[in-house]
């Protein structure tokens, strides 16, 4: 049973990291003037934002949060593998 729980955690980690990264990179793509997607709708290129705005967007990177999600999930999986609680 523990292995299915570990697999579920791995899938949850994947979706959480993809969601966090997607939100950030959509804003960044929009700021630098590349085609971007909001929801499921594709948008054309818009004018490039100022350097200050781009730096503001890039400074709000969710890298630490994404790494924390991955690390906590990995620790949970390791706990299940080592102790096999159920």
PDB file of N, CA and C in Angstrom:
ATOM      1  N   UNK A   1       0.819  -1.206   0.000  1.00  0.00           N
ATOM      2  CA  UNK A   1       0.000   0.000   0.000  1.00  0.00           C
ATOM      3  C   UNK A   1       0.860   1.266   0.000  1.00  0.00           C
ATOM      4  N   UNK A   2       2.005   1.197   0.682  1.00  0.00           N
ATOM      5  CA  UNK A   2       2.861   2.380   0.767  1.00  0.00           C
ATOM      6  C   UNK A   2       3.352   2.808  -0.605  1.00  0.00           C
ATOM      7  N   UNK A   3       3.552   1.843  -1.487  1.00  0.00           N
ATOM      8  CA  UNK A   3       4.093   2.189  -2.805  1.00  0.00           C
ATOM      9  C   UNK A   3       3.090   3.010  -3.618  1.00  0.00           C
ATOM     10  N   UNK A   4       1.810   2.735  -3.460  1.00  0.00           N
ATOM     11  CA  UNK A   4       0.792   3.509  -4.167  1.00  0.00           C
ATOM     12  C   UNK A   4       0.698   4.924  -3.596  1.00  0.00           C
ATOM     13  N   UNK A   5       0.882   5.033  -2.304  1.00  0.00           N
ATOM     14  CA  UNK A   5       0.907   6.351  -1.677  1.00  0.00           C
ATOM     15  C   UNK A   5       2.107   7.150  -2.172  1.00  0.00           C
ATOM     16  N   UNK A   6       3.261   6.486  -2.272  1.00  0.00           N
ATOM     17  CA  UNK A   6       4.469   7.143  -2.785  1.00  0.00           C
ATOM     18  C   UNK A   6       4.279   7.573  -4.232  1.00  0.00           C
ATOM     19  N   UNK A   7       3.638   6.732  -5.020  1.00  0.00           N
ATOM     20  CA  UNK A   7       3.362   7.089  -6.415  1.00  0.00           C
ATOM     21  C   UNK A   7       2.423   8.285  -6.488  1.00  0.00           C
ATOM     22  N   UNK A   8       1.420   8.318  -5.641  1.00  0.00           N
ATOM     23  CA  UNK A   8       0.502   9.465  -5.588  1.00  0.00           C
ATOM     24  C   UNK A   8       1.218  10.750  -5.204  1.00  0.00           C
ATOM     25  N   UNK A   9       2.148  10.646  -4.262  1.00  0.00           N
ATOM     26  CA  UNK A   9       2.934  11.819  -3.859  1.00  0.00           C
ATOM     27  C   UNK A   9       3.793  12.294  -5.023  1.00  0.00           C
ATOM     28  N   UNK A  10       4.399  11.359  -5.753  1.00  0.00           N
ATOM     29  CA  UNK A  10       5.234  11.733  -6.905  1.00  0.00           C
ATOM     30  C   UNK A  10       4.410  12.454  -7.974  1.00  0.00           C
ATOM     31  N   UNK A  11       3.204  11.980  -8.218  1.00  0.00           N
ATOM     32  CA  UNK A  11       2.328  12.642  -9.194  1.00  0.00           C
ATOM     33  C   UNK A  11       1.928  14.022  -8.689  1.00  0.00           C
ATOM     34  N   UNK A  12       1.620  14.135  -7.402  1.00  0.00           N
ATOM     35  CA  UNK A  12       1.253  15.432  -6.827  1.00  0.00           C
ATOM     36  C   UNK A  12       2.417  16.421  -6.920  1.00  0.00           C
ATOM     37  N   UNK A  13       3.631  15.954  -6.664  1.00  0.00           N
ATOM     38  CA  UNK A  13       4.818  16.816  -6.792  1.00  0.00           C
ATOM     39  C   UNK A  13       4.940  17.327  -8.214  1.00  0.00           C
ATOM     40  N   UNK A  14       4.765  16.431  -9.172  1.00  0.00           N
ATOM     41  CA  UNK A  14       4.877  16.806 -10.582  1.00  0.00           C
ATOM     42  C   UNK A  14       3.882  17.902 -10.939  1.00  0.00           C
ATOM     43  N   UNK A  15       2.621  17.712 -10.544  1.00  0.00           N
ATOM     44  CA  UNK A  15       1.604  18.709 -10.878  1.00  0.00           C
ATOM     45  C   UNK A  15       1.844  20.037 -10.149  1.00  0.00           C
ATOM     46  N   UNK A  16       2.248  19.968  -8.897  1.00  0.00           N
ATOM     47  CA  UNK A  16       2.497  21.197  -8.133  1.00  0.00           C
ATOM     48  C   UNK A  16       3.645  21.994  -8.728  1.00  0.00           C
ATOM     49  N   UNK A  17       4.727  21.312  -9.079  1.00  0.00           N
ATOM     50  CA  UNK A  17       5.883  22.011  -9.648  1.00  0.00           C
ATOM     51  C   UNK A  17       5.554  22.584 -11.031  1.00  0.00           C
ATOM     52  N   UNK A  18       4.802  21.835 -11.827  1.00  0.00           N
ATOM     53  CA  UNK A  18       4.416  22.322 -13.147  1.00  0.00           C
ATOM     54  C   UNK A  18       3.522  23.559 -13.026  1.00  0.00           C
ATOM     55  N   UNK A  19       2.585  23.529 -12.089  1.00  0.00           N
ATOM     56  CA  UNK A  19       1.685  24.660 -11.886  1.00  0.00           C
ATOM     57  C   UNK A  19       2.451  25.905 -11.446  1.00  0.00           C
ATOM     58  N   UNK A  20       3.327  25.744 -10.454  1.00  0.00           N
ATOM     59  CA  UNK A  20       4.100  26.886  -9.954  1.00  0.00           C
ATOM     60  C   UNK A  20       5.002  27.472 -11.039  1.00  0.00           C
ATOM     61  N   UNK A  21       5.656  26.614 -11.782  1.00  0.00           N
ATOM     62  CA  UNK A  21       6.543  27.086 -12.838  1.00  0.00           C
ATOM     63  C   UNK A  21       5.788  27.727 -13.989  1.00  0.00           C
ATOM     64  N   UNK A  22       4.652  27.154 -14.343  1.00  0.00           N
ATOM     65  CA  UNK A  22       3.884  27.676 -15.468  1.00  0.00           C
ATOM     66  C   UNK A  22       3.401  29.101 -15.220  1.00  0.00           C
ATOM     67  N   UNK A  23       2.910  29.366 -14.023  1.00  0.00           N
ATOM     68  CA  UNK A  23       2.429  30.716 -13.716  1.00  0.00           C
ATOM     69  C   UNK A  23       3.545  31.748 -13.865  1.00  0.00           C
ATOM     70  N   UNK A  24       4.716  31.401 -13.361  1.00  0.00           N
ATOM     71  CA  UNK A  24       5.859  32.321 -13.428  1.00  0.00           C
ATOM     72  C   UNK A  24       6.304  32.542 -14.876  1.00  0.00           C
ATOM     73  N   UNK A  25       6.472  31.458 -15.621  1.00  0.00           N
ATOM     74  CA  UNK A  25       6.988  31.597 -16.971  1.00  0.00           C
ATOM     75  C   UNK A  25       5.979  32.218 -17.929  1.00  0.00           C
ATOM     76  N   UNK A  26       4.680  32.081 -17.657  1.00  0.00           N
ATOM     77  CA  UNK A  26       3.687  32.785 -18.480  1.00  0.00           C
ATOM     78  C   UNK A  26       3.848  34.297 -18.325  1.00  0.00           C
ATOM     79  N   UNK A  27       4.002  34.761 -17.093  1.00  0.00           N
ATOM     80  CA  UNK A  27       4.203  36.198 -16.864  1.00  0.00           C
ATOM     81  C   UNK A  27       5.498  36.680 -17.497  1.00  0.00           C
ATOM     82  N   UNK A  28       6.550  35.872 -17.375  1.00  0.00           N
ATOM     83  CA  UNK A  28       7.841  36.262 -17.936  1.00  0.00           C
ATOM     84  C   UNK A  28       7.788  36.305 -19.462  1.00  0.00           C
ATOM     85  N   UNK A  29       7.179  35.318 -20.093  1.00  0.00           N
ATOM     86  CA  UNK A  29       7.043  35.310 -21.560  1.00  0.00           C
ATOM     87  C   UNK A  29       6.268  36.543 -22.030  1.00  0.00           C
ATOM     88  N   UNK A  30       5.223  36.865 -21.319  1.00  0.00           N
ATOM     89  CA  UNK A  30       4.419  38.039 -21.673  1.00  0.00           C
ATOM     90  C   UNK A  30       5.262  39.305 -21.566  1.00  0.00           C
ATOM     91  N   UNK A  31       6.092  39.411 -20.524  1.00  0.00           N
ATOM     92  CA  UNK A  31       6.906  40.600 -20.306  1.00  0.00           C
ATOM     93  C   UNK A  31       7.988  40.798 -21.343  1.00  0.00           C
ATOM     94  N   UNK A  32       8.578  39.700 -21.816  1.00  0.00           N
ATOM     95  CA  UNK A  32       9.672  39.835 -22.789  1.00  0.00           C
ATOM     96  C   UNK A  32       9.183  39.842 -24.225  1.00  0.00           C
ATOM     97  N   UNK A  33       7.883  39.782 -24.421  1.00  0.00           N
ATOM     98  CA  UNK A  33       7.329  39.928 -25.762  1.00  0.00           C
ATOM     99  C   UNK A  33       7.261  38.655 -26.572  1.00  0.00           C
ATOM    100  N   UNK A  34       7.144  37.522 -25.923  1.00  0.00           N
ATOM    101  CA  UNK A  34       6.990  36.249 -26.631  1.00  0.00           C
ATOM    102  C   UNK A  34       5.525  35.834 -26.614  1.00  0.00           C
ATOM    103  N   UNK A  35       5.118  34.966 -27.544  1.00  0.00           N
ATOM    104  CA  UNK A  35       3.744  34.465 -27.484  1.00  0.00           C
ATOM    105  C   UNK A  35       3.513  33.759 -26.151  1.00  0.00           C
ATOM    106  N   UNK A  36       2.323  33.887 -25.599  1.00  0.00           N
ATOM    107  CA  UNK A  36       2.039  33.305 -24.290  1.00  0.00           C
ATOM    108  C   UNK A  36       0.637  32.737 -24.266  1.00  0.00           C
ATOM    109  N   UNK A  37       0.364  31.944 -23.234  1.00  0.00           N
ATOM    110  CA  UNK A  37      -0.933  31.293 -23.072  1.00  0.00           C
ATOM    111  C   UNK A  37      -1.498  31.692 -21.715  1.00  0.00           C
ATOM    112  N   UNK A  38      -2.763  32.083 -21.701  1.00  0.00           N
ATOM    113  CA  UNK A  38      -3.489  32.326 -20.450  1.00  0.00           C
ATOM    114  C   UNK A  38      -4.669  31.378 -20.437  1.00  0.00           C
ATOM    115  N   UNK A  39      -4.681  30.514 -19.443  1.00  0.00           N
ATOM    116  CA  UNK A  39      -5.703  29.466 -19.434  1.00  0.00           C
ATOM    117  C   UNK A  39      -5.405  28.511 -20.570  1.00  0.00           C
ATOM    118  N   UNK A  40      -6.313  28.422 -21.512  1.00  0.00           N
ATOM    119  CA  UNK A  40      -6.072  27.589 -22.695  1.00  0.00           C
ATOM    120  C   UNK A  40      -6.033  28.424 -23.965  1.00  0.00           C
ATOM    121  N   UNK A  41      -6.113  29.725 -23.803  1.00  0.00           N
ATOM    122  CA  UNK A  41      -6.154  30.613 -24.953  1.00  0.00           C
ATOM    123  C   UNK A  41      -4.756  31.155 -25.266  1.00  0.00           C
ATOM    124  N   UNK A  42      -4.348  30.987 -26.525  1.00  0.00           N
ATOM    125  CA  UNK A  42      -3.046  31.491 -26.949  1.00  0.00           C
ATOM    126  C   UNK A  42      -3.184  32.956 -27.349  1.00  0.00           C
ATOM    127  N   UNK A  43      -2.198  33.740 -26.972  1.00  0.00           N
ATOM    128  CA  UNK A  43      -2.183  35.164 -27.297  1.00  0.00           C
ATOM    129  C   UNK A  43      -0.981  35.484 -28.170  1.00  0.00           C
ATOM    130  N   UNK A  44      -1.141  36.508 -28.964  1.00  0.00           N
ATOM    131  CA  UNK A  44      -0.035  36.942 -29.823  1.00  0.00           C
ATOM    132  C   UNK A  44       0.950  37.779 -29.028  1.00  0.00           C
ATOM    133  N   UNK A  45       2.020  38.098 -29.684  1.00  0.00           N
ATOM    134  CA  UNK A  45       3.080  38.897 -29.072  1.00  0.00           C
ATOM    135  C   UNK A  45       2.550  40.291 -28.742  1.00  0.00           C
ATOM    136  N   UNK A  46       2.910  40.790 -27.574  1.00  0.00           N
ATOM    137  CA  UNK A  46       2.581  42.153 -27.185  1.00  0.00           C
ATOM    138  C   UNK A  46       3.886  42.920 -27.053  1.00  0.00           C
ATOM    139  N   UNK A  47       3.834  44.225 -26.988  1.00  0.00           N
ATOM    140  CA  UNK A  47       5.077  44.997 -26.860  1.00  0.00           C
ATOM    141  C   UNK A  47       5.879  44.587 -25.621  1.00  0.00           C
ATOM    142  N   UNK A  48       7.173  44.652 -25.766  1.00  0.00           N
ATOM    143  CA  UNK A  48       8.079  44.264 -24.685  1.00  0.00           C
ATOM    144  C   UNK A  48       7.946  45.245 -23.522  1.00  0.00           C
ATOM    145  N   UNK A  49       7.941  44.696 -22.319  1.00  0.00           N
ATOM    146  CA  UNK A  49       7.877  45.527 -21.114  1.00  0.00           C
ATOM    147  C   UNK A  49       9.232  46.201 -20.891  1.00  0.00           C
ATOM    148  N   UNK A  50       9.246  47.184 -20.038  1.00  0.00           N
ATOM    149  CA  UNK A  50      10.503  47.870 -19.737  1.00  0.00           C
ATOM    150  C   UNK A  50      11.435  46.934 -18.968  1.00  0.00           C
ATOM    151  N   UNK A  51      12.706  47.278 -18.969  1.00  0.00           N
ATOM    152  CA  UNK A  51      13.681  46.448 -18.274  1.00  0.00           C
ATOM    153  C   UNK A  51      13.362  46.348 -16.784  1.00  0.00           C
ATOM    154  N   UNK A  52      12.867  47.428 -16.212  1.00  0.00           N
ATOM    155  CA  UNK A  52      12.516  47.444 -14.794  1.00  0.00           C
ATOM    156  C   UNK A  52      11.373  46.467 -14.513  1.00  0.00           C
ATOM    157  N   UNK A  53      10.363  46.438 -15.393  1.00  0.00           N
ATOM    158  CA  UNK A  53       9.240  45.519 -15.218  1.00  0.00           C
ATOM    159  C   UNK A  53       9.689  44.065 -15.366  1.00  0.00           C
ATOM    160  N   UNK A  54      10.565  43.804 -16.330  1.00  0.00           N
ATOM    161  CA  UNK A  54      11.068  42.444 -16.534  1.00  0.00           C
ATOM    162  C   UNK A  54      11.873  41.984 -15.328  1.00  0.00           C
ATOM    163  N   UNK A  55      12.700  42.866 -14.794  1.00  0.00           N
ATOM    164  CA  UNK A  55      13.460  42.514 -13.596  1.00  0.00           C
ATOM    165  C   UNK A  55      12.533  42.274 -12.407  1.00  0.00           C
ATOM    166  N   UNK A  56      11.458  43.040 -12.330  1.00  0.00           N
ATOM    167  CA  UNK A  56      10.474  42.837 -11.267  1.00  0.00           C
ATOM    168  C   UNK A  56       9.798  41.477 -11.372  1.00  0.00           C
ATOM    169  N   UNK A  57       9.466  41.084 -12.594  1.00  0.00           N
ATOM    170  CA  UNK A  57       8.843  39.770 -12.805  1.00  0.00           C
ATOM    171  C   UNK A  57       9.836  38.661 -12.475  1.00  0.00           C
ATOM    172  N   UNK A  58      11.062  38.806 -12.966  1.00  0.00           N
ATOM    173  CA  UNK A  58      12.041  37.737 -12.755  1.00  0.00           C
ATOM    174  C   UNK A  58      12.486  37.635 -11.297  1.00  0.00           C
ATOM    175  N   UNK A  59      12.355  38.705 -10.538  1.00  0.00           N
ATOM    176  CA  UNK A  59      12.740  38.640  -9.126  1.00  0.00           C
ATOM    177  C   UNK A  59      11.703  37.898  -8.283  1.00  0.00           C
ATOM    178  N   UNK A  60      10.522  37.664  -8.831  1.00  0.00           N
ATOM    179  CA  UNK A  60       9.457  36.954  -8.103  1.00  0.00           C
ATOM    180  C   UNK A  60       9.410  35.474  -8.482  1.00  0.00           C
ATOM    181  N   UNK A  61      10.560  34.926  -8.779  1.00  0.00           N
ATOM    182  CA  UNK A  61      10.659  33.523  -9.171  1.00  0.00           C
ATOM    183  C   UNK A  61      10.243  32.605  -8.024  1.00  0.00           C
ATOM    184  N   UNK A  62       9.453  31.583  -8.342  1.00  0.00           N
ATOM    185  CA  UNK A  62       9.049  30.645  -7.292  1.00  0.00           C
ATOM    186  C   UNK A  62      10.047  29.499  -7.118  1.00  0.00           C
ATOM    187  N   UNK A  63      11.309  29.748  -7.400  1.00  0.00           N
ATOM    188  CA  UNK A  63      12.306  28.677  -7.368  1.00  0.00           C
ATOM    189  C   UNK A  63      12.415  28.039  -5.991  1.00  0.00           C
ATOM    190  N   UNK A  64      12.454  28.844  -4.935  1.00  0.00           N
ATOM    191  CA  UNK A  64      12.576  28.282  -3.587  1.00  0.00           C
ATOM    192  C   UNK A  64      11.327  27.506  -3.193  1.00  0.00           C
ATOM    193  N   UNK A  65      10.169  28.019  -3.537  1.00  0.00           N
ATOM    194  CA  UNK A  65       8.928  27.319  -3.220  1.00  0.00           C
ATOM    195  C   UNK A  65       8.847  26.001  -3.989  1.00  0.00           C
ATOM    196  N   UNK A  66       9.218  26.027  -5.254  1.00  0.00           N
ATOM    197  CA  UNK A  66       9.197  24.815  -6.065  1.00  0.00           C
ATOM    198  C   UNK A  66      10.177  23.788  -5.520  1.00  0.00           C
ATOM    199  N   UNK A  67      11.367  24.236  -5.140  1.00  0.00           N
ATOM    200  CA  UNK A  67      12.351  23.323  -4.555  1.00  0.00           C
ATOM    201  C   UNK A  67      11.859  22.767  -3.224  1.00  0.00           C
ATOM    202  N   UNK A  68      11.184  23.572  -2.435  1.00  0.00           N
ATOM    203  CA  UNK A  68      10.643  23.117  -1.159  1.00  0.00           C
ATOM    204  C   UNK A  68       9.579  22.042  -1.362  1.00  0.00           C
ATOM    205  N   UNK A  69       8.714  22.236  -2.348  1.00  0.00           N
ATOM    206  CA  UNK A  69       7.689  21.235  -2.663  1.00  0.00           C
ATOM    207  C   UNK A  69       8.364  19.916  -3.030  1.00  0.00           C
ATOM    208  N   UNK A  70       9.386  19.990  -3.883  1.00  0.00           N
ATOM    209  CA  UNK A  70      10.088  18.781  -4.304  1.00  0.00           C
ATOM    210  C   UNK A  70      10.787  18.103  -3.132  1.00  0.00           C
ATOM    211  N   UNK A  71      11.448  18.883  -2.294  1.00  0.00           N
ATOM    212  CA  UNK A  71      12.183  18.315  -1.167  1.00  0.00           C
ATOM    213  C   UNK A  71      11.246  17.661  -0.155  1.00  0.00           C
ATOM    214  N   UNK A  72      10.161  18.333   0.188  1.00  0.00           N
ATOM    215  CA  UNK A  72       9.206  17.750   1.141  1.00  0.00           C
ATOM    216  C   UNK A  72       8.564  16.482   0.583  1.00  0.00           C
ATOM    217  N   UNK A  73       8.257  16.512  -0.693  1.00  0.00           N
ATOM    218  CA  UNK A  73       7.691  15.310  -1.320  1.00  0.00           C
ATOM    219  C   UNK A  73       8.684  14.165  -1.331  1.00  0.00           C
ATOM    220  N   UNK A  74       9.933  14.464  -1.640  1.00  0.00           N
ATOM    221  CA  UNK A  74      10.971  13.439  -1.645  1.00  0.00           C
ATOM    222  C   UNK A  74      11.170  12.858  -0.244  1.00  0.00           C
ATOM    223  N   UNK A  75      11.171  13.717   0.754  1.00  0.00           N
ATOM    224  CA  UNK A  75      11.302  13.229   2.137  1.00  0.00           C
ATOM    225  C   UNK A  75      10.122  12.337   2.529  1.00  0.00           C
ATOM    226  N   UNK A  76       8.930  12.700   2.094  1.00  0.00           N
ATOM    227  CA  UNK A  76       7.756  11.875   2.388  1.00  0.00           C
ATOM    228  C   UNK A  76       7.876  10.512   1.709  1.00  0.00           C
ATOM    229  N   UNK A  77       8.354  10.501   0.473  1.00  0.00           N
ATOM    230  CA  UNK A  77       8.529   9.233  -0.238  1.00  0.00           C
ATOM    231  C   UNK A  77       9.613   8.389   0.436  1.00  0.00           C
ATOM    232  N   UNK A  78      10.713   9.025   0.828  1.00  0.00           N
ATOM    233  CA  UNK A  78      11.770   8.286   1.515  1.00  0.00           C
ATOM    234  C   UNK A  78      11.272   7.703   2.842  1.00  0.00           C
ATOM    235  N   UNK A  79      10.475   8.471   3.565  1.00  0.00           N
ATOM    236  CA  UNK A  79       9.881   7.967   4.809  1.00  0.00           C
ATOM    237  C   UNK A  79       9.062   6.707   4.529  1.00  0.00           C
ATOM    238  N   UNK A  80       8.243   6.766   3.493  1.00  0.00           N
ATOM    239  CA  UNK A  80       7.417   5.603   3.155  1.00  0.00           C
ATOM    240  C   UNK A  80       8.280   4.416   2.746  1.00  0.00           C
ATOM    241  N   UNK A  81       9.366   4.674   2.019  1.00  0.00           N
ATOM    242  CA  UNK A  81      10.225   3.570   1.568  1.00  0.00           C
ATOM    243  C   UNK A  81      10.988   2.926   2.723  1.00  0.00           C
ATOM    244  N   UNK A  82      11.433   3.726   3.666  1.00  0.00           N
ATOM    245  CA  UNK A  82      12.260   3.200   4.752  1.00  0.00           C
ATOM    246  C   UNK A  82      11.413   2.530   5.832  1.00  0.00           C
ATOM    247  N   UNK A  83      10.354   3.207   6.277  1.00  0.00           N
ATOM    248  CA  UNK A  83       9.582   2.711   7.420  1.00  0.00           C
ATOM    249  C   UNK A  83       8.358   1.876   7.047  1.00  0.00           C
ATOM    250  N   UNK A  84       7.918   1.960   5.809  1.00  0.00           N
ATOM    251  CA  UNK A  84       6.751   1.192   5.324  1.00  0.00           C
ATOM    252  C   UNK A  84       5.643   1.132   6.378  1.00  0.00           C
ATOM    253  N   UNK A  85       5.044   2.297   6.685  1.00  0.00           N
ATOM    254  CA  UNK A  85       4.069   2.352   7.771  1.00  0.00           C
ATOM    255  C   UNK A  85       2.779   1.566   7.529  1.00  0.00           C
ATOM    256  N   UNK A  86       2.481   1.257   6.295  1.00  0.00           N
ATOM    257  CA  UNK A  86       1.272   0.456   6.008  1.00  0.00           C
ATOM    258  C   UNK A  86       1.480  -0.334   4.757  1.00  0.00           C
TER     259      UNK A  86
END
